[in-house]
Amino acid sequence: MLKAKKTRYIFMLLLLGGVAAYYWFALGKPVKPLYVELYNDTDQLIPSVIIEHGNANLQEKITVVQLKSKQRRYIMLNHKPGMGFNIAVNYPNGEKTEICAGKNKNYWSIRGTITKFGIYTTPIR
């Protein structure tokens, strides 16, 4: 009887220790990443796409190079949804277009479709 009670206490302590360790390590992890899918919906190679975002503690600039026609690239940003980020596309003919994407949108995955007319963003569900 005493051995069963002792075993139960040890099991409960191990279980509580595991739960406490899980929450301790979860606190130290960075924010879940914001996923951006870039899709080149043109018939030409895009020389570069620049993504910029920031907050009070961070400013980040990511350059994607040589995005082939109909190719998709996936980028992870250390950024919360709804704060917005800039996408700038440099076309092969020297033209440039840019937008502020994801502003006031609470999505963790966003697709940026690059066309010859501009950049369009849609949530990925």
Protein backbone atom coordinates (compact mmCIF):
# COMPACT_ATOMS: atom_id res chain seq x y z
CA MET A 1 0.00 0.00 0.00
CA LEU A 2 2.79 2.41 0.94
CA LYS A 3 4.74 1.50 -2.19
CA ALA A 4 1.74 2.25 -4.46
CA LYS A 5 1.25 5.64 -2.80
CA LYS A 6 4.94 6.46 -3.21
CA THR A 7 4.81 5.44 -6.88
CA ARG A 8 1.79 7.70 -7.43
CA TYR A 9 3.60 10.67 -5.85
CA ILE A 10 6.67 10.08 -8.01
CA PHE A 11 4.48 9.82 -11.13
CA MET A 12 2.67 13.07 -10.25
CA LEU A 13 5.97 14.87 -9.60
CA LEU A 14 7.36 13.69 -12.94
CA LEU A 15 4.19 14.75 -14.73
CA LEU A 16 4.20 18.20 -13.10
CA GLY A 17 7.92 18.56 -13.83
CA GLY A 18 7.32 17.71 -17.50
CA VAL A 19 4.50 20.24 -17.79
CA ALA A 20 6.58 22.92 -16.03
CA ALA A 21 9.58 22.21 -18.31
CA TYR A 22 7.37 22.46 -21.40
CA TYR A 23 6.07 25.89 -20.39
CA TRP A 24 9.53 27.06 -19.35
CA PHE A 25 11.00 26.25 -22.77
CA ALA A 26 7.93 27.60 -24.59
CA LEU A 27 8.52 30.98 -22.98
CA GLY A 28 12.07 31.18 -24.37
CA LYS A 29 11.12 30.43 -28.00
CA PRO A 30 10.83 33.22 -30.55
CA VAL A 31 7.53 34.16 -32.11
CA LYS A 32 5.98 31.75 -34.58
CA PRO A 33 7.22 32.72 -38.08
CA LEU A 34 5.08 34.54 -40.61
CA TYR A 35 5.24 32.62 -43.90
CA VAL A 36 5.38 34.47 -47.21
CA GLU A 37 5.06 32.60 -50.49
CA LEU A 38 6.37 34.52 -53.50
CA TYR A 39 4.97 33.35 -56.82
CA ASN A 40 6.29 34.66 -60.14
CA ASP A 41 3.23 34.63 -62.41
CA THR A 42 5.06 36.32 -65.29
CA ASP A 43 6.78 34.74 -68.28
CA GLN A 44 10.17 36.21 -67.40
CA LEU A 45 12.85 35.83 -64.75
CA ILE A 46 12.57 38.38 -61.91
CA PRO A 47 16.10 39.54 -60.98
CA SER A 48 15.28 40.39 -57.36
CA VAL A 49 12.50 40.73 -54.82
CA ILE A 50 13.20 42.59 -51.59
CA ILE A 51 11.14 42.06 -48.44
CA GLU A 52 11.55 44.49 -45.55
CA HIS A 53 9.88 44.55 -42.16
CA GLY A 54 10.58 45.75 -38.68
CA ASN A 55 9.34 46.65 -35.23
CA ALA A 56 10.74 48.49 -32.21
CA ASN A 57 13.55 45.92 -31.74
CA LEU A 58 14.28 44.62 -35.23
CA GLN A 59 14.74 45.74 -38.82
CA GLU A 60 15.13 43.01 -41.43
CA LYS A 61 15.74 43.04 -45.18
CA ILE A 62 15.55 39.83 -47.23
CA THR A 63 16.60 39.72 -50.88
CA VAL A 64 15.31 36.93 -53.10
CA VAL A 65 17.27 36.66 -56.36
CA GLN A 66 16.63 34.98 -59.72
CA LEU A 67 12.94 34.08 -59.27
CA LYS A 68 12.16 32.07 -62.40
CA SER A 69 8.89 32.21 -64.29
CA LYS A 70 6.12 30.23 -62.49
CA GLN A 71 8.47 29.52 -59.58
CA ARG A 72 7.45 29.72 -55.92
CA ARG A 73 9.75 30.64 -53.03
CA TYR A 74 8.88 30.46 -49.37
CA ILE A 75 10.25 32.98 -46.89
CA MET A 76 9.84 32.98 -43.11
CA LEU A 77 9.71 36.32 -41.33
CA ASN A 78 10.30 36.87 -37.62
CA HIS A 79 7.23 39.08 -37.60
CA LYS A 80 3.71 39.07 -36.19
CA PRO A 81 0.72 39.18 -38.55
CA GLY A 82 -1.04 42.47 -39.02
CA MET A 83 2.09 44.62 -38.68
CA GLY A 84 2.70 44.73 -42.43
CA PHE A 85 5.84 44.30 -44.50
CA ASN A 86 7.11 45.73 -47.78
CA ILE A 87 7.58 43.73 -50.97
CA ALA A 88 9.57 45.41 -53.76
CA VAL A 89 9.97 43.71 -57.16
CA ASN A 90 12.71 44.69 -59.60
CA TYR A 91 11.61 43.68 -63.11
CA PRO A 92 14.16 42.78 -65.84
CA ASN A 93 13.35 45.92 -67.86
CA GLY A 94 14.47 48.13 -64.94
CA GLU A 95 10.98 48.95 -63.63
CA LYS A 96 10.24 48.55 -59.94
CA THR A 97 6.98 48.14 -58.05
CA GLU A 98 6.35 47.76 -54.35
CA ILE A 99 3.51 47.33 -51.87
CA CYS A 100 2.92 47.15 -48.15
CA ALA A 101 1.46 43.69 -47.60
CA GLY A 102 -0.27 42.09 -44.65
CA LYS A 103 -1.20 45.32 -42.88
CA ASN A 104 -4.13 44.74 -40.51
CA LYS A 105 -4.46 41.14 -41.70
CA ASN A 106 -4.30 38.41 -39.07
CA TYR A 107 -2.91 35.61 -41.28
CA TRP A 108 0.24 33.59 -40.57
CA SER A 109 0.67 32.66 -44.26
CA ILE A 110 0.46 35.13 -47.15
CA ARG A 111 0.98 34.62 -50.88
CA GLY A 112 2.52 37.43 -52.91
CA THR A 113 1.72 36.89 -56.58
CA ILE A 114 3.96 38.86 -58.92
CA THR A 115 2.36 39.74 -62.26
CA LYS A 116 3.37 42.06 -65.07
CA PHE A 117 0.81 44.52 -63.67
CA GLY A 118 1.97 44.49 -60.03
CA ILE A 119 1.95 42.47 -56.82
CA TYR A 120 -1.18 40.94 -55.32
CA THR A 121 -1.40 39.40 -51.87
CA THR A 122 -3.85 36.82 -50.63
CA PRO A 123 -4.00 34.79 -47.41
CA ILE A 124 -3.09 31.12 -47.51
CA ARG A 125 -5.43 29.04 -45.38
